[in-house]
Every structure is written in C-alpha cells, then in structure tokens.
C-alpha cells in the first residue's frame, strides 16, 4: 500500500512540477484584468492570455512575487498602462526586450486621447484630497505623465488603439499567425462598434442625472457616454474619509441634488452608507476592473456592458 501511495505521490509531484513549469511558458501577460480582456480577444487561438494582478488587488500598490517575475520573463508580450499606473512593474520591465512589452500610455495614438488627471474639475466641486496637491508643486511638468488620468482601459477609443497595437506586435513576433490575428482584430473592432451603439442607447436616458464616485477612475467612460458626475471624494481608494470630510460630502450630495453615490467592490460600503444616511441618495457599486468577467473574445464588450448596467441600475 505504502509503495503505491509513494508512486501516486511521485506522480502527483511530477505532474505539479510539470504544471508549474508549464505556467511559466509563453503567453501574453497583462497587468490588470481589463487589459486581459483586450489581449485575450486578439490573441485568441494564438497564445494564452494571463493576468498578473489577482482579483481585489489594486494596481496602485501591488508587490510582485518571484513567480510573477518568472511569468514576465517568459512572456511573449507584456501589456501594461505604464509607470504612472503600475509603478511596481517598472523595474522588472527594464530587463525585458523592448519588443516584448507594450505600455498603452506611451502609444503615439493614445497620447492625444489622454485626459488631464482632473478633467472633471470643471464641475466646480472642491477637491477632496490633500494627497493630490503635492503634484501641483512639480517644476516643468509640461510632459509630466502624473498630470494625466491613466485609467485608460475605460475608454473605448483607447481600447481600439490598444487592440491594434497588440495585433501589430504579435504579428511581428509570430508572423505565421497572420490570418488568425487579422480575423481576431476585425472581430474585436466589429464587436466594439456594436457594443458602443448598444451602450449609447442604454446610457442616454441617464445622461443628466448627477452622482458622485469615490475614486477618480471613470473619466474616459463618462466623457465618452456623456454622463454627469458631480465629483469624486478621493483619488486614493485606500484612504477612508474622516468625520468632517463625511459631513462635507453629505452636504454636497444634498446641495448638488445627487441621485446616486457609487462605491467600488474593494470599498467597505460602511462609508457609503454613512455618507448617504438621512439623504434620499441611492448607493450603487461600480467595478472599474471587471472582477469575475472571464477572458475571451467578448470579454471587453461584456466589461463595458456590466459597467453600464451598474450606472443605470442606480441612476434610472
């Protein structure tokens, strides 16, 4: 019996070792899930797509494990937003060849689409975070990326440019897969156009409804679909507002006639409840990272649709 058990154990260990070794094989590796949605559509049937950040982790403060570094080294291609969003990747990526990495924020076609970090300040809401004021003292920051909102994966325009860039880069790396990559890109563009049409229909009725978000992540999406955010309460989702701040927020909600206040999945809703208590403001949840949406050809469209549903269910 013991011999059999040992054999079984050896086999299991061997299988595990093989799987572990297999895990470090080539793939398109993306920093966050939404980039995985775009990459997996283009790489479908050509090479697998893997996501570095586990669900629930924030790209603002993640730490790489040794296994992650291994995955980066063996990747066909690493897709990320850039050093202002995923600072934790900067060091590891300097060791990768330039043709094996794509920073979306650096793409020439994306640069004109970038929004200033506080583009929504023209709504006249006072700024909620001291954390942001240090950037204002930067000298000569004409081309300082910290001034831009880097949540670019929420822009359908940027998603299209990203898909084209992933297609072009994979084509250079694997020219033998040209037909499949071309077909995948065409399909992605068609689906994106169709999803976009559906979402315009869905979101038009709530365009005039005012609301607050907790984290300044949705600017690209809101601008694209003409939504009316009244402001955000903090740029850093990890910082909880204090009592005085809660009082200011509540006053704003009431005075600005907000219909809704949105939390995020990693936020304790206690804060939201405390804020909305005693007002007629409803609370909802927006997920800017598409938690739980499976990778695949339709995933980016599913992600935008899910987000739109989250807006509509609270605003309508």
Protein backbone atom coordinates (compact mmCIF):
# COMPACT_ATOMS: atom_id res chain seq x y z
CA UNK A 1 0.00 0.00 0.00
CA UNK A 2 2.80 2.32 1.01
CA UNK A 3 4.64 1.73 -2.27
CA UNK A 4 1.51 2.54 -4.22
CA UNK A 5 0.95 5.66 -2.19
CA UNK A 6 4.54 6.77 -2.79
CA UNK A 7 4.17 6.14 -6.51
CA UNK A 8 0.98 8.16 -6.51
CA UNK A 9 2.73 10.92 -4.57
CA UNK A 10 5.65 10.92 -7.00
CA UNK A 11 3.29 11.10 -9.93
CA UNK A 12 1.38 13.96 -8.33
CA UNK A 13 4.57 15.83 -7.55
CA UNK A 14 5.82 15.28 -11.08
CA UNK A 15 2.51 16.48 -12.54
CA UNK A 16 2.59 19.52 -10.27
CA UNK A 17 6.18 20.26 -11.28
CA UNK A 18 5.19 20.00 -14.93
CA UNK A 19 2.22 22.30 -14.42
CA UNK A 20 4.39 24.78 -12.55
CA UNK A 21 6.96 24.68 -15.34
CA UNK A 22 4.15 25.00 -17.87
CA UNK A 23 2.81 28.04 -16.05
CA UNK A 24 5.93 29.94 -16.88
CA UNK A 25 5.55 29.24 -20.59
CA UNK A 26 4.96 32.00 -23.07
CA UNK A 27 1.73 33.93 -23.02
CA UNK A 28 0.50 37.48 -23.31
CA UNK A 29 0.74 38.73 -19.72
CA UNK A 30 -1.31 41.79 -18.77
CA UNK A 31 -1.01 43.80 -15.57
CA UNK A 32 -4.75 44.13 -14.88
CA UNK A 33 -7.88 42.25 -15.88
CA UNK A 34 -9.40 44.78 -18.35
CA UNK A 35 -6.20 44.73 -20.42
CA UNK A 36 -6.56 40.95 -20.38
CA UNK A 37 -9.99 41.38 -21.96
CA UNK A 38 -8.49 43.22 -24.93
CA UNK A 39 -5.42 40.98 -25.26
CA UNK A 40 -7.37 37.72 -24.99
CA UNK A 41 -9.62 38.77 -27.88
CA UNK A 42 -6.65 39.44 -30.16
CA UNK A 43 -4.50 36.50 -29.02
CA UNK A 44 -7.42 34.04 -29.12
CA UNK A 45 -6.32 30.74 -30.68
CA UNK A 46 -2.73 32.04 -30.99
CA UNK A 47 -1.30 32.27 -27.48
CA UNK A 48 -2.88 32.23 -23.99
CA UNK A 49 -3.50 35.42 -22.01
CA UNK A 50 -2.69 35.68 -18.29
CA UNK A 51 -3.37 38.42 -15.76
CA UNK A 52 -0.75 39.38 -13.21
CA UNK A 53 -2.92 41.07 -10.58
CA UNK A 54 -5.23 38.80 -8.60
CA UNK A 55 -8.84 40.00 -8.29
CA UNK A 56 -9.22 42.50 -5.48
CA UNK A 57 -5.62 43.74 -5.70
CA UNK A 58 -5.02 47.39 -6.57
CA UNK A 59 -2.62 48.33 -9.39
CA UNK A 60 -1.62 51.33 -7.25
CA UNK A 61 0.25 49.32 -4.61
CA UNK A 62 0.86 45.76 -5.75
CA UNK A 63 4.08 43.87 -4.98
CA UNK A 64 5.44 41.28 -7.44
CA UNK A 65 6.09 37.74 -6.22
CA UNK A 66 9.01 35.68 -7.58
CA UNK A 67 6.56 33.61 -9.66
CA UNK A 68 5.23 36.83 -11.23
CA UNK A 69 8.74 37.86 -12.25
CA UNK A 70 9.17 34.42 -13.81
CA UNK A 71 5.95 34.89 -15.80
CA UNK A 72 7.10 38.29 -17.03
CA UNK A 73 10.45 36.88 -18.18
CA UNK A 74 8.91 34.07 -20.18
CA UNK A 75 6.04 36.10 -21.65
CA UNK A 76 5.53 36.56 -25.39
CA UNK A 77 4.36 40.05 -24.65
CA UNK A 78 3.66 42.12 -21.51
CA UNK A 79 0.83 44.65 -21.75
CA UNK A 80 0.52 47.40 -19.14
CA UNK A 81 -0.67 51.01 -18.88
CA UNK A 82 2.71 52.46 -17.89
CA UNK A 83 4.86 53.56 -14.95
CA UNK A 84 2.27 56.03 -13.62
CA UNK A 85 -0.33 53.31 -13.14
CA UNK A 86 1.64 50.15 -12.33
CA UNK A 87 4.82 51.51 -10.79
CA UNK A 88 5.51 48.02 -9.38
CA UNK A 89 6.31 46.77 -12.93
CA UNK A 90 8.80 49.45 -13.91
CA UNK A 91 11.90 47.77 -12.56
CA UNK A 92 11.15 44.27 -13.86
CA UNK A 93 10.28 45.50 -17.32
CA UNK A 94 13.60 47.30 -17.80
CA UNK A 95 15.07 43.79 -18.03
CA UNK A 96 12.77 42.73 -20.88
CA UNK A 97 13.49 43.39 -24.56
CA UNK A 98 11.58 46.41 -25.88
CA UNK A 99 9.64 44.37 -28.46
CA UNK A 100 8.21 42.16 -25.70
CA UNK A 101 6.40 44.94 -23.85
CA UNK A 102 3.71 47.48 -24.65
CA UNK A 103 2.89 50.46 -22.43
CA UNK A 104 -0.51 51.76 -23.54
CA UNK A 105 0.07 55.26 -22.16
CA UNK A 106 3.17 55.59 -24.36
CA UNK A 107 1.49 54.66 -27.66
CA UNK A 108 1.61 57.65 -30.06
CA UNK A 109 -2.05 57.13 -31.00
CA UNK A 110 -3.09 57.14 -27.31
CA UNK A 111 -1.27 60.34 -26.31
CA UNK A 112 -3.78 62.74 -27.92
CA UNK A 113 -6.61 60.82 -26.22
CA UNK A 114 -5.21 61.24 -22.70
CA UNK A 115 -7.31 63.29 -20.29
CA UNK A 116 -5.82 65.57 -17.69
CA UNK A 117 -5.90 64.00 -14.23
CA UNK A 118 -8.57 66.39 -13.05
CA UNK A 119 -10.51 67.00 -16.22
CA UNK A 120 -13.71 66.76 -14.25
CA UNK A 121 -12.78 69.70 -12.03
CA UNK A 122 -14.78 71.98 -14.28
CA UNK A 123 -17.86 70.74 -12.44
CA UNK A 124 -16.74 73.11 -9.72
CA UNK A 125 -16.54 70.53 -6.95
CA UNK A 126 -13.93 71.24 -4.35
CA UNK A 127 -11.07 68.84 -4.40
CA UNK A 128 -11.23 66.15 -1.85
CA UNK A 129 -7.68 65.05 -1.44
CA UNK A 130 -4.61 66.59 0.07
CA UNK A 131 -2.69 63.72 -1.47
CA UNK A 132 -3.09 65.32 -4.86
CA UNK A 133 -1.76 68.75 -4.01
CA UNK A 134 1.89 67.67 -3.98
CA UNK A 135 1.80 67.19 -7.74
CA UNK A 136 0.98 70.85 -8.21
CA UNK A 137 4.42 71.85 -6.98
CA UNK A 138 6.24 69.88 -9.67
CA UNK A 139 8.50 72.06 -11.76
CA UNK A 140 8.45 71.89 -15.53
CA UNK A 141 5.75 69.28 -15.66
CA UNK A 142 4.55 70.06 -19.18
CA UNK A 143 5.18 66.49 -20.14
CA UNK A 144 4.80 65.01 -16.72
CA UNK A 145 2.57 61.96 -17.04
CA UNK A 146 1.42 62.26 -13.47
CA UNK A 147 -0.84 65.03 -14.75
CA UNK A 148 -2.90 62.58 -16.80
CA UNK A 149 -5.68 60.25 -15.83
CA UNK A 150 -4.21 56.83 -16.61
CA UNK A 151 -7.39 54.74 -16.21
CA UNK A 152 -7.30 54.45 -19.99
CA UNK A 153 -8.84 50.96 -20.23
CA UNK A 154 -12.26 52.56 -19.65
CA UNK A 155 -12.05 54.41 -22.97
CA UNK A 156 -13.49 52.55 -25.97
CA UNK A 157 -11.22 54.64 -28.24
CA UNK A 158 -8.10 53.67 -26.30
CA UNK A 159 -9.25 50.03 -26.25
CA UNK A 160 -9.40 50.02 -30.05
CA UNK A 161 -5.92 51.57 -30.36
CA UNK A 162 -4.64 49.02 -27.82
CA UNK A 163 -6.14 46.11 -29.75
CA UNK A 164 -4.43 47.31 -32.94
CA UNK A 165 -1.10 47.69 -31.11
CA UNK A 166 -1.36 44.17 -29.61
CA UNK A 167 -2.25 42.78 -33.05
CA UNK A 168 0.69 44.53 -34.71
CA UNK A 169 3.18 43.45 -32.07
CA UNK A 170 2.03 39.81 -32.04
CA UNK A 171 2.19 39.85 -35.84
CA UNK A 172 5.86 40.90 -35.65
CA UNK A 173 6.57 38.19 -33.08
CA UNK A 174 4.54 35.42 -34.77
CA UNK A 175 4.07 36.22 -38.46
CA UNK A 176 2.89 32.64 -39.09
CA UNK A 177 -0.37 33.53 -37.27
CA UNK A 178 -1.26 36.46 -39.51
CA UNK A 179 -4.67 35.19 -40.67
CA UNK A 180 -5.90 34.40 -37.17
CA UNK A 181 -4.63 37.67 -35.72
CA UNK A 182 -6.19 39.69 -38.56
CA UNK A 183 -9.53 37.91 -38.12
CA UNK A 184 -9.44 38.44 -34.33
CA UNK A 185 -8.77 42.16 -34.71
CA UNK A 186 -11.61 42.58 -37.25
CA UNK A 187 -13.97 40.75 -34.93
CA UNK A 188 -12.88 42.84 -31.92
CA UNK A 189 -13.47 46.09 -33.83
CA UNK A 190 -16.90 44.97 -35.06
CA UNK A 191 -17.99 43.86 -31.60
CA UNK A 192 -16.70 47.07 -30.03
CA UNK A 193 -18.68 49.18 -32.51
CA UNK A 194 -21.83 47.14 -31.81
CA UNK A 195 -21.38 47.28 -28.00
CA UNK A 196 -20.79 51.01 -28.24
CA UNK A 197 -24.09 51.50 -30.12
CA UNK A 198 -25.97 49.46 -27.51
CA UNK A 199 -24.43 51.39 -24.63
CA UNK A 200 -25.24 54.79 -26.14
CA UNK A 201 -28.91 53.66 -26.23
CA UNK A 202 -28.71 52.38 -22.70
CA UNK A 203 -26.94 55.39 -21.14
CA UNK A 204 -28.60 58.27 -22.99
CA UNK A 205 -31.65 58.29 -20.65
CA UNK A 206 -29.43 58.82 -17.56
CA UNK A 207 -27.07 61.44 -19.04
CA UNK A 208 -28.47 64.30 -16.99
CA UNK A 209 -28.52 62.51 -13.62
CA UNK A 210 -25.94 63.77 -11.14
CA UNK A 211 -23.87 61.39 -9.00
CA UNK A 212 -20.63 61.08 -7.06
CA UNK A 213 -17.94 58.41 -7.33
CA UNK A 214 -15.37 57.55 -4.71
CA UNK A 215 -12.36 57.31 -6.94
CA UNK A 216 -11.45 59.31 -9.99
CA UNK A 217 -11.29 56.33 -12.34
CA UNK A 218 -14.19 56.73 -14.74
CA UNK A 219 -13.39 59.94 -16.62
CA UNK A 220 -12.86 58.31 -20.03
CA UNK A 221 -16.04 56.28 -19.84
CA UNK A 222 -18.09 59.23 -18.54
CA UNK A 223 -16.81 61.58 -21.22
CA UNK A 224 -17.43 59.04 -23.99
CA UNK A 225 -21.03 58.42 -22.93
CA UNK A 226 -21.86 61.96 -21.80
CA UNK A 227 -22.55 61.12 -18.15
CA UNK A 228 -22.78 63.83 -15.46
CA UNK A 229 -20.52 63.14 -12.49
CA UNK A 230 -20.73 65.86 -9.84
CA UNK A 231 -17.34 64.90 -8.46
CA UNK A 232 -15.27 62.36 -6.58
CA UNK A 233 -14.30 62.16 -2.94
CA UNK A 234 -10.79 60.78 -3.02
CA UNK A 235 -8.21 59.85 -5.60
CA UNK A 236 -6.81 57.12 -3.38
CA UNK A 237 -9.28 54.29 -2.78
CA UNK A 238 -7.19 53.11 0.19
CA UNK A 239 -7.84 56.24 2.27
CA UNK A 240 -11.08 56.43 4.26
CA UNK A 241 -12.56 59.91 4.71
CA UNK A 242 -12.74 61.30 8.29
CA UNK A 243 -15.88 62.54 10.10
CA UNK A 244 -15.53 66.14 8.96
CA UNK A 245 -14.99 65.02 5.38
CA UNK A 246 -18.08 62.77 5.58
CA UNK A 247 -20.11 65.76 6.69
CA UNK A 248 -18.81 67.85 3.75
CA UNK A 249 -19.64 65.03 1.36
CA UNK A 250 -23.16 64.66 2.72
CA UNK A 251 -23.75 68.40 2.37
CA UNK A 252 -22.53 68.22 -1.23
CA UNK A 253 -24.77 65.26 -2.02
CA UNK A 254 -27.82 67.15 -0.79
CA UNK A 255 -26.95 70.57 -2.24
CA UNK A 256 -25.95 69.27 -5.66
CA UNK A 257 -29.01 67.04 -5.86
CA UNK A 258 -27.06 63.86 -6.46
CA UNK A 259 -29.22 60.87 -7.35
CA UNK A 260 -26.59 58.31 -6.52
CA UNK A 261 -23.24 57.70 -4.86
CA UNK A 262 -21.08 54.85 -6.15
CA UNK A 263 -18.72 52.63 -4.17
CA UNK A 264 -16.24 50.10 -5.56
CA UNK A 265 -16.01 46.39 -4.77
CA UNK A 266 -12.89 46.80 -2.62
CA UNK A 267 -14.55 49.59 -0.65
CA UNK A 268 -16.26 48.90 2.64
CA UNK A 269 -19.82 50.03 1.93
CA UNK A 270 -19.99 51.27 5.54
CA UNK A 271 -18.50 54.55 4.30
CA UNK A 272 -21.11 54.84 1.56
CA UNK A 273 -23.94 54.05 3.98
CA UNK A 274 -22.61 56.62 6.44
CA UNK A 275 -22.48 59.21 3.67
CA UNK A 276 -25.94 58.59 2.22
CA UNK A 277 -27.72 58.10 5.55
CA UNK A 278 -30.52 60.57 6.09
CA UNK A 279 -30.49 61.68 2.45
CA UNK A 280 -32.56 60.41 -0.47
CA UNK A 281 -29.36 59.49 -2.34
CA UNK A 282 -29.17 55.88 -3.53
CA UNK A 283 -25.95 53.92 -3.40
CA UNK A 284 -24.53 51.71 -6.12
CA UNK A 285 -21.27 49.93 -6.94
CA UNK A 286 -19.02 50.45 -9.96
CA UNK A 287 -16.31 47.92 -10.76
CA UNK A 288 -13.56 49.52 -12.89
CA UNK A 289 -11.57 46.26 -13.07
CA UNK A 290 -14.21 43.80 -14.30
CA UNK A 291 -13.82 41.37 -11.42
CA UNK A 292 -15.11 37.91 -12.28
CA UNK A 293 -15.57 38.53 -16.02
CA UNK A 294 -13.96 35.63 -17.89
CA UNK A 295 -11.32 36.30 -20.54
CA UNK A 296 -12.25 35.65 -24.15
CA UNK A 297 -13.40 37.19 -27.41
CA UNK A 298 -16.41 39.03 -25.96
CA UNK A 299 -14.89 39.97 -22.63
CA UNK A 300 -14.14 43.64 -23.24
CA UNK A 301 -17.69 44.25 -24.50
CA UNK A 302 -19.06 42.31 -21.51
CA UNK A 303 -16.97 44.51 -19.22
CA UNK A 304 -18.28 47.81 -20.66
CA UNK A 305 -21.83 46.44 -20.63
CA UNK A 306 -21.55 45.35 -16.98
CA UNK A 307 -20.25 48.79 -16.02
CA UNK A 308 -23.10 50.48 -17.92
CA UNK A 309 -25.62 48.28 -16.11
CA UNK A 310 -24.05 49.33 -12.80
CA UNK A 311 -24.56 53.01 -13.69
CA UNK A 312 -28.08 52.58 -14.99
CA UNK A 313 -29.39 50.45 -12.13
CA UNK A 314 -28.59 53.21 -9.64
CA UNK A 315 -29.29 56.30 -11.77
CA UNK A 316 -32.53 55.42 -13.51
